[in-house]
Amino acid sequence: MSFPNPYEFTLNASTQTNALRPTLVRASAGTGKTYQLTARLLRILLQDSPPETILATTFTRKAAGEILDRVLLVLSKGGDDNDADALGQLRDQVGVPTLNHQTCRQLLHKILRNIHRLRI
């Protein structure tokens, strides 16, 4: 008898295709652009894309820093075994219902090891 690996997940084909397609987000202040860009960056990183192949641009350095801060924060919270709510919110944000704490921790460590390669 075999059991499913709790640390495995897959993005559905639609999510994979949409995550890799170049996108321009234009909207007024306070409409959720940073949230959308953060979610998109996370989806791309979850597909094991090398950080140096991703380019995220925004109007200000402050906004770029906020995107990186949010990515690190949500992965940190999602990786906390005691915070099921944060993991649930992250699953909803990136559209990956099978995302788990271990994967969040692994991705967070990967980003921190390669933070110099991120282009935000």
N, C-alpha and C. Protein backbone atom coordinates (compact mmCIF):
# COMPACT_ATOMS: atom_id res chain seq x y z
N MET A 1 0.84 -1.16 0.00
CA MET A 1 0.00 0.00 0.00
C MET A 1 0.89 1.24 0.00
N SER A 2 0.60 2.19 -0.86
CA SER A 2 1.38 3.42 -0.89
C SER A 2 0.51 4.59 -0.45
N PHE A 3 1.16 5.56 0.16
CA PHE A 3 0.46 6.74 0.64
C PHE A 3 0.95 7.94 -0.15
N PRO A 4 0.08 8.92 -0.40
CA PRO A 4 0.52 10.10 -1.12
C PRO A 4 1.54 10.89 -0.30
N ASN A 5 2.48 11.46 -0.98
CA ASN A 5 3.49 12.28 -0.33
C ASN A 5 2.86 13.62 0.06
N PRO A 6 2.83 13.96 1.36
CA PRO A 6 2.19 15.21 1.77
C PRO A 6 2.96 16.45 1.34
N TYR A 7 4.19 16.27 0.86
CA TYR A 7 4.99 17.41 0.45
C TYR A 7 4.97 17.63 -1.06
N GLU A 8 4.17 16.85 -1.76
CA GLU A 8 4.07 17.00 -3.20
C GLU A 8 2.82 17.76 -3.56
N PHE A 9 2.91 18.59 -4.56
CA PHE A 9 1.74 19.27 -5.08
C PHE A 9 2.02 19.59 -6.53
N THR A 10 0.97 19.82 -7.28
CA THR A 10 1.14 20.22 -8.66
C THR A 10 0.20 21.38 -8.95
N LEU A 11 0.66 22.27 -9.78
CA LEU A 11 -0.20 23.35 -10.26
C LEU A 11 -0.99 22.80 -11.43
N ASN A 12 -2.27 23.14 -11.52
CA ASN A 12 -3.02 22.66 -12.67
C ASN A 12 -2.52 23.37 -13.92
N ALA A 13 -2.85 22.82 -15.07
CA ALA A 13 -2.31 23.33 -16.33
C ALA A 13 -2.65 24.79 -16.56
N SER A 14 -3.86 25.19 -16.22
CA SER A 14 -4.27 26.57 -16.41
C SER A 14 -3.43 27.52 -15.55
N THR A 15 -3.19 27.15 -14.29
CA THR A 15 -2.39 27.98 -13.40
C THR A 15 -0.96 28.08 -13.90
N GLN A 16 -0.40 26.96 -14.39
CA GLN A 16 0.97 26.97 -14.91
C GLN A 16 1.08 27.91 -16.11
N THR A 17 0.15 27.78 -17.05
CA THR A 17 0.19 28.59 -18.25
C THR A 17 0.04 30.06 -17.93
N ASN A 18 -0.93 30.39 -17.10
CA ASN A 18 -1.19 31.79 -16.77
C ASN A 18 -0.06 32.41 -15.96
N ALA A 19 0.58 31.64 -15.11
CA ALA A 19 1.65 32.18 -14.28
C ALA A 19 2.86 32.58 -15.12
N LEU A 20 3.10 31.91 -16.21
CA LEU A 20 4.29 32.17 -17.01
C LEU A 20 4.07 33.19 -18.13
N ARG A 21 2.84 33.56 -18.37
CA ARG A 21 2.54 34.51 -19.43
C ARG A 21 2.87 35.94 -18.96
N PRO A 22 3.60 36.71 -19.77
CA PRO A 22 3.88 38.10 -19.37
C PRO A 22 2.58 38.86 -19.15
N THR A 23 2.56 39.69 -18.12
CA THR A 23 1.34 40.40 -17.76
C THR A 23 1.66 41.83 -17.36
N LEU A 24 0.81 42.74 -17.75
CA LEU A 24 0.90 44.14 -17.34
C LEU A 24 -0.30 44.43 -16.45
N VAL A 25 -0.04 44.97 -15.26
CA VAL A 25 -1.12 45.32 -14.34
C VAL A 25 -1.16 46.84 -14.24
N ARG A 26 -2.27 47.43 -14.69
CA ARG A 26 -2.44 48.89 -14.60
C ARG A 26 -3.71 49.15 -13.83
N ALA A 27 -3.58 49.88 -12.74
CA ALA A 27 -4.75 50.19 -11.92
C ALA A 27 -4.43 51.36 -11.00
N SER A 28 -5.47 51.94 -10.46
CA SER A 28 -5.31 53.06 -9.54
C SER A 28 -4.75 52.60 -8.21
N ALA A 29 -4.32 53.57 -7.42
CA ALA A 29 -3.79 53.27 -6.08
C ALA A 29 -4.86 52.58 -5.23
N GLY A 30 -4.41 51.61 -4.44
CA GLY A 30 -5.31 50.94 -3.51
C GLY A 30 -6.20 49.88 -4.11
N THR A 31 -5.91 49.44 -5.33
CA THR A 31 -6.78 48.46 -5.98
C THR A 31 -6.26 47.03 -5.91
N GLY A 32 -5.12 46.82 -5.27
CA GLY A 32 -4.61 45.46 -5.10
C GLY A 32 -3.52 45.04 -6.06
N LYS A 33 -2.83 46.00 -6.66
CA LYS A 33 -1.75 45.65 -7.59
C LYS A 33 -0.64 44.87 -6.89
N THR A 34 -0.24 45.34 -5.72
CA THR A 34 0.84 44.68 -4.99
C THR A 34 0.43 43.26 -4.62
N TYR A 35 -0.80 43.08 -4.20
CA TYR A 35 -1.31 41.74 -3.88
C TYR A 35 -1.23 40.84 -5.11
N GLN A 36 -1.68 41.34 -6.26
CA GLN A 36 -1.67 40.55 -7.49
C GLN A 36 -0.25 40.22 -7.94
N LEU A 37 0.64 41.20 -7.88
CA LEU A 37 2.03 40.96 -8.28
C LEU A 37 2.71 39.97 -7.34
N THR A 38 2.42 40.07 -6.06
CA THR A 38 2.97 39.13 -5.08
C THR A 38 2.49 37.72 -5.37
N ALA A 39 1.19 37.57 -5.60
CA ALA A 39 0.62 36.25 -5.89
C ALA A 39 1.23 35.67 -7.16
N ARG A 40 1.38 36.50 -8.16
CA ARG A 40 1.95 36.03 -9.43
C ARG A 40 3.40 35.59 -9.27
N LEU A 41 4.17 36.39 -8.55
CA LEU A 41 5.57 36.04 -8.30
C LEU A 41 5.66 34.72 -7.53
N LEU A 42 4.81 34.54 -6.55
CA LEU A 42 4.81 33.28 -5.79
C LEU A 42 4.45 32.09 -6.68
N ARG A 43 3.44 32.26 -7.56
CA ARG A 43 3.06 31.16 -8.46
C ARG A 43 4.23 30.77 -9.36
N ILE A 44 4.94 31.76 -9.87
CA ILE A 44 6.08 31.48 -10.74
C ILE A 44 7.18 30.77 -9.96
N LEU A 45 7.48 31.25 -8.77
CA LEU A 45 8.51 30.63 -7.94
C LEU A 45 8.13 29.21 -7.54
N LEU A 46 6.84 28.97 -7.32
CA LEU A 46 6.38 27.62 -6.96
C LEU A 46 6.55 26.63 -8.11
N GLN A 47 6.68 27.14 -9.32
CA GLN A 47 6.92 26.27 -10.47
C GLN A 47 8.40 25.96 -10.64
N ASP A 48 9.18 26.33 -9.63
CA ASP A 48 10.62 26.07 -9.60
C ASP A 48 11.37 26.86 -10.67
N SER A 49 10.83 28.00 -11.05
CA SER A 49 11.53 28.87 -11.99
C SER A 49 12.74 29.49 -11.29
N PRO A 50 13.88 29.49 -11.94
CA PRO A 50 15.06 30.11 -11.34
C PRO A 50 14.80 31.60 -11.10
N PRO A 51 15.15 32.11 -9.93
CA PRO A 51 14.87 33.52 -9.61
C PRO A 51 15.43 34.50 -10.64
N GLU A 52 16.57 34.18 -11.23
CA GLU A 52 17.17 35.11 -12.18
C GLU A 52 16.42 35.19 -13.51
N THR A 53 15.44 34.31 -13.73
CA THR A 53 14.65 34.34 -14.97
C THR A 53 13.36 35.12 -14.80
N ILE A 54 13.15 35.68 -13.62
CA ILE A 54 11.91 36.40 -13.33
C ILE A 54 12.22 37.89 -13.22
N LEU A 55 11.42 38.70 -13.88
CA LEU A 55 11.55 40.15 -13.77
C LEU A 55 10.21 40.72 -13.35
N ALA A 56 10.19 41.36 -12.19
CA ALA A 56 8.99 42.03 -11.70
C ALA A 56 9.31 43.50 -11.59
N THR A 57 8.55 44.34 -12.27
CA THR A 57 8.80 45.77 -12.22
C THR A 57 7.59 46.50 -11.66
N THR A 58 7.86 47.61 -11.06
CA THR A 58 6.81 48.46 -10.52
C THR A 58 7.28 49.90 -10.59
N PHE A 59 6.43 50.82 -10.25
CA PHE A 59 6.73 52.23 -10.45
C PHE A 59 7.78 52.76 -9.48
N THR A 60 7.79 52.28 -8.26
CA THR A 60 8.73 52.82 -7.27
C THR A 60 9.54 51.71 -6.61
N ARG A 61 10.69 52.09 -6.09
CA ARG A 61 11.51 51.13 -5.34
C ARG A 61 10.79 50.69 -4.07
N LYS A 62 10.03 51.61 -3.49
CA LYS A 62 9.27 51.29 -2.28
C LYS A 62 8.28 50.15 -2.57
N ALA A 63 7.57 50.24 -3.68
CA ALA A 63 6.61 49.20 -4.04
C ALA A 63 7.32 47.88 -4.33
N ALA A 64 8.48 47.95 -4.98
CA ALA A 64 9.25 46.74 -5.25
C ALA A 64 9.68 46.08 -3.95
N GLY A 65 10.13 46.89 -3.00
CA GLY A 65 10.51 46.36 -1.69
C GLY A 65 9.33 45.75 -0.97
N GLU A 66 8.17 46.36 -1.14
CA GLU A 66 6.96 45.84 -0.50
C GLU A 66 6.58 44.47 -1.08
N ILE A 67 6.75 44.29 -2.37
CA ILE A 67 6.46 43.00 -2.98
C ILE A 67 7.38 41.93 -2.40
N LEU A 68 8.67 42.22 -2.34
CA LEU A 68 9.61 41.25 -1.78
C LEU A 68 9.28 40.98 -0.31
N ASP A 69 8.99 42.02 0.45
CA ASP A 69 8.62 41.84 1.86
C ASP A 69 7.41 40.92 2.00
N ARG A 70 6.41 41.13 1.16
CA ARG A 70 5.20 40.31 1.24
C ARG A 70 5.48 38.86 0.87
N VAL A 71 6.29 38.65 -0.15
CA VAL A 71 6.64 37.27 -0.53
C VAL A 71 7.30 36.56 0.64
N LEU A 72 8.28 37.21 1.24
CA LEU A 72 9.00 36.59 2.36
C LEU A 72 8.08 36.38 3.56
N LEU A 73 7.21 37.35 3.84
CA LEU A 73 6.31 37.25 4.98
C LEU A 73 5.29 36.13 4.81
N VAL A 74 4.64 36.06 3.64
CA VAL A 74 3.61 35.03 3.48
C VAL A 74 4.23 33.63 3.45
N LEU A 75 5.43 33.49 2.90
CA LEU A 75 6.08 32.18 2.93
C LEU A 75 6.50 31.81 4.35
N SER A 76 6.96 32.79 5.10
CA SER A 76 7.33 32.54 6.49
C SER A 76 6.12 32.09 7.30
N LYS A 77 5.02 32.79 7.15
CA LYS A 77 3.80 32.41 7.87
C LYS A 77 3.26 31.08 7.35
N GLY A 78 3.30 30.88 6.04
CA GLY A 78 2.82 29.63 5.46
C GLY A 78 3.66 28.43 5.88
N GLY A 79 4.91 28.66 6.20
CA GLY A 79 5.80 27.59 6.64
C GLY A 79 5.69 27.26 8.11
N ASP A 80 4.92 28.03 8.85
CA ASP A 80 4.74 27.81 10.29
C ASP A 80 3.72 26.70 10.52
N ASP A 81 4.17 25.58 11.04
CA ASP A 81 3.28 24.44 11.27
C ASP A 81 2.11 24.77 12.19
N ASN A 82 2.23 25.84 12.97
CA ASN A 82 1.18 26.22 13.91
C ASN A 82 0.22 27.26 13.36
N ASP A 83 0.36 27.62 12.09
CA ASP A 83 -0.48 28.67 11.51
C ASP A 83 -1.21 28.16 10.27
N ALA A 84 -2.23 27.35 10.50
CA ALA A 84 -3.01 26.78 9.40
C ALA A 84 -3.77 27.87 8.64
N ASP A 85 -4.18 28.92 9.33
CA ASP A 85 -4.92 30.00 8.67
C ASP A 85 -4.05 30.70 7.63
N ALA A 86 -2.80 30.97 7.98
CA ALA A 86 -1.89 31.63 7.04
C ALA A 86 -1.66 30.76 5.81
N LEU A 87 -1.51 29.46 6.04
CA LEU A 87 -1.32 28.55 4.90
C LEU A 87 -2.56 28.53 4.02
N GLY A 88 -3.73 28.52 4.63
CA GLY A 88 -4.98 28.54 3.86
C GLY A 88 -5.11 29.80 3.02
N GLN A 89 -4.74 30.94 3.60
CA GLN A 89 -4.79 32.20 2.85
C GLN A 89 -3.80 32.19 1.69
N LEU A 90 -2.61 31.63 1.92
CA LEU A 90 -1.61 31.54 0.87
C LEU A 90 -2.09 30.60 -0.24
N ARG A 91 -2.69 29.49 0.13
CA ARG A 91 -3.23 28.57 -0.88
C ARG A 91 -4.24 29.29 -1.77
N ASP A 92 -5.12 30.07 -1.15
CA ASP A 92 -6.11 30.82 -1.92
C ASP A 92 -5.44 31.88 -2.80
N GLN A 93 -4.45 32.55 -2.26
CA GLN A 93 -3.78 33.63 -2.99
C GLN A 93 -3.10 33.11 -4.25
N VAL A 94 -2.44 31.96 -4.16
CA VAL A 94 -1.69 31.46 -5.31
C VAL A 94 -2.46 30.41 -6.11
N GLY A 95 -3.61 30.00 -5.62
CA GLY A 95 -4.43 29.03 -6.35
C GLY A 95 -3.87 27.63 -6.33
N VAL A 96 -3.22 27.25 -5.24
CA VAL A 96 -2.64 25.91 -5.10
C VAL A 96 -3.19 25.28 -3.82
N PRO A 97 -4.32 24.56 -3.93
CA PRO A 97 -4.96 24.02 -2.73
C PRO A 97 -4.14 22.95 -2.02
N THR A 98 -3.14 22.39 -2.67
CA THR A 98 -2.33 21.33 -2.05
C THR A 98 -1.02 21.85 -1.47
N LEU A 99 -0.82 23.16 -1.49
CA LEU A 99 0.40 23.74 -0.93
C LEU A 99 0.50 23.39 0.55
N ASN A 100 1.72 23.09 1.02
CA ASN A 100 1.88 22.68 2.42
C ASN A 100 2.99 23.48 3.10
N HIS A 101 3.07 23.32 4.42
CA HIS A 101 4.04 24.07 5.22
C HIS A 101 5.48 23.81 4.76
N GLN A 102 5.80 22.55 4.51
CA GLN A 102 7.17 22.19 4.11
C GLN A 102 7.58 22.88 2.81
N THR A 103 6.68 22.91 1.85
CA THR A 103 6.99 23.56 0.57
C THR A 103 7.23 25.05 0.77
N CYS A 104 6.44 25.67 1.63
CA CYS A 104 6.64 27.10 1.94
C CYS A 104 8.03 27.33 2.53
N ARG A 105 8.41 26.48 3.46
CA ARG A 105 9.74 26.63 4.08
C ARG A 105 10.84 26.42 3.05
N GLN A 106 10.69 25.42 2.20
CA GLN A 106 11.71 25.15 1.18
C GLN A 106 11.85 26.32 0.22
N LEU A 107 10.72 26.87 -0.21
CA LEU A 107 10.77 28.00 -1.14
C LEU A 107 11.36 29.23 -0.46
N LEU A 108 11.00 29.47 0.79
CA LEU A 108 11.56 30.60 1.53
C LEU A 108 13.08 30.47 1.63
N HIS A 109 13.56 29.29 1.95
CA HIS A 109 15.02 29.08 2.04
C HIS A 109 15.68 29.28 0.68
N LYS A 110 15.03 28.80 -0.37
CA LYS A 110 15.59 28.96 -1.72
C LYS A 110 15.69 30.44 -2.08
N ILE A 111 14.65 31.19 -1.78
CA ILE A 111 14.66 32.63 -2.08
C ILE A 111 15.75 33.33 -1.29
N LEU A 112 15.84 33.02 0.00
CA LEU A 112 16.85 33.68 0.83
C LEU A 112 18.27 33.35 0.39
N ARG A 113 18.48 32.11 -0.08
CA ARG A 113 19.81 31.73 -0.58
C ARG A 113 20.14 32.44 -1.89
N ASN A 114 19.10 32.79 -2.65
CA ASN A 114 19.30 33.39 -3.97
C ASN A 114 18.73 34.80 -4.07
N ILE A 115 18.60 35.47 -2.96
CA ILE A 115 17.94 36.79 -2.96
C ILE A 115 18.67 37.78 -3.87
N HIS A 116 19.96 37.60 -4.03
CA HIS A 116 20.74 38.48 -4.91
C HIS A 116 20.38 38.29 -6.38
N ARG A 117 19.69 37.20 -6.70
CA ARG A 117 19.32 36.93 -8.09
C ARG A 117 17.93 37.45 -8.45
N LEU A 118 17.13 37.77 -7.45
CA LEU A 118 15.79 38.28 -7.73
C LEU A 118 15.87 39.66 -8.35
N ARG A 119 15.05 39.90 -9.35
CA ARG A 119 15.01 41.20 -10.02
C ARG A 119 13.62 41.80 -9.86
N ILE A 120 13.49 42.55 -8.78
CA ILE A 120 12.19 43.19 -8.51
C ILE A 120 12.43 44.69 -8.47
